[in-house]
Protein backbone atom coordinates (compact mmCIF):
# COMPACT_ATOMS: atom_id res chain seq x y z
CA UNK A 1 -0.01 0.02 0.00
CA UNK A 2 3.02 2.29 0.07
CA UNK A 3 2.44 3.32 -3.54
CA UNK A 4 -1.34 3.73 -3.40
CA UNK A 5 -2.56 7.28 -4.13
CA UNK A 6 -6.06 8.79 -4.12
CA UNK A 7 -7.65 8.60 -7.57
CA UNK A 8 -5.33 5.86 -8.81
CA UNK A 9 -6.81 3.21 -11.11
CA UNK A 10 -6.47 -0.25 -9.51
CA UNK A 11 -7.95 -3.70 -10.00
CA UNK A 12 -9.80 -4.70 -6.83
CA UNK A 13 -11.13 -8.19 -6.05
CA UNK A 14 -14.12 -8.40 -3.69
CA UNK A 15 -15.57 -11.45 -1.94
CA UNK A 16 -18.68 -11.20 0.25
CA UNK A 17 -18.43 -7.43 0.12
CA UNK A 18 -14.84 -7.29 1.38
CA UNK A 19 -11.65 -6.51 -0.50
CA UNK A 20 -9.50 -9.60 -0.63
CA UNK A 21 -6.91 -8.53 -3.22
CA UNK A 22 -5.87 -5.60 -5.39
CA UNK A 23 -3.36 -4.91 -8.13
CA UNK A 24 -1.58 -1.61 -8.61
CA UNK A 25 -0.35 -0.37 -11.96
CA UNK A 26 3.15 -1.62 -12.80
CA UNK A 27 4.49 1.91 -12.61
CA UNK A 28 3.34 4.87 -10.55
CA UNK A 29 4.23 8.55 -10.68
CA UNK A 30 5.30 9.89 -7.29
CA UNK A 31 6.63 13.22 -6.04
CA UNK A 32 9.80 13.48 -3.96
CA UNK A 33 9.03 15.31 -0.72
CA UNK A 34 12.33 14.80 1.16
CA UNK A 35 15.86 13.89 0.04
CA UNK A 36 19.39 14.69 1.09
CA UNK A 37 21.30 16.79 -1.41
CA UNK A 38 23.82 14.87 -3.51
CA UNK A 39 27.48 15.73 -3.08
CA UNK A 40 29.48 17.08 -5.99
CA UNK A 41 31.74 14.48 -7.46
CA UNK A 42 29.46 11.59 -6.44
CA UNK A 43 27.88 11.37 -9.93
CA UNK A 44 30.94 9.66 -11.39
CA UNK A 45 30.27 6.66 -9.22
CA UNK A 46 26.58 6.48 -10.22
CA UNK A 47 25.51 6.42 -6.58
CA UNK A 48 22.08 6.64 -5.04
CA UNK A 49 20.41 8.17 -2.01
CA UNK A 50 17.15 7.54 -0.14
CA UNK A 51 14.22 9.77 -1.00
CA UNK A 52 10.82 10.01 0.68
CA UNK A 53 7.88 10.32 -1.74
CA UNK A 54 4.39 11.78 -1.24
CA UNK A 55 2.97 8.39 -0.13
CA UNK A 56 5.55 8.08 2.62
CA UNK A 57 7.53 5.31 0.88
CA UNK A 58 11.36 5.56 0.82
CA UNK A 59 12.91 4.90 -2.58
CA UNK A 60 16.62 4.79 -3.55
CA UNK A 61 17.09 7.39 -6.29
CA UNK A 62 20.03 8.71 -8.32
CA UNK A 63 21.98 11.60 -6.87
CA UNK A 64 20.51 14.14 -9.35
CA UNK A 65 16.93 13.72 -7.98
CA UNK A 66 15.72 16.67 -5.88
CA UNK A 67 12.74 17.64 -3.74
CA UNK A 68 9.73 18.34 -5.94
CA UNK A 69 10.85 16.00 -8.77
CA UNK A 70 8.28 13.57 -10.13
CA UNK A 71 9.63 10.08 -10.53
CA UNK A 72 8.36 6.76 -11.92
CA UNK A 73 8.61 3.78 -9.53
CA UNK A 74 8.13 0.09 -10.37
CA UNK A 75 5.46 -1.05 -7.86
CA UNK A 76 6.58 -4.70 -8.16
CA UNK A 77 10.15 -4.02 -7.04
CA UNK A 78 9.97 -0.59 -5.43
CA UNK A 79 12.83 0.58 -7.65
CA UNK A 80 13.29 4.01 -9.23
CA UNK A 81 12.77 3.83 -13.02
CA UNK A 82 13.13 7.42 -14.30
CA UNK A 83 12.06 11.00 -13.89
CA UNK A 84 8.42 11.53 -14.88
């Protein structure tokens, strides 16, 4: 549920009026709300840093990602895919 956002299209399976399963889209667009600034010179190593997104999930992102950036995340693996 760490990638679920209001208004998102999902497939929901009900049984006896209760939700028993749901599928999220494979990718979801999220906004970075908190991230430490990358250090100059770190980009040569292709490093990453943790970023908190608007759903509260923490995703490892490349050093060039900043607060306010929209990113695409693979909901199956929780990995950063690209900027959105």
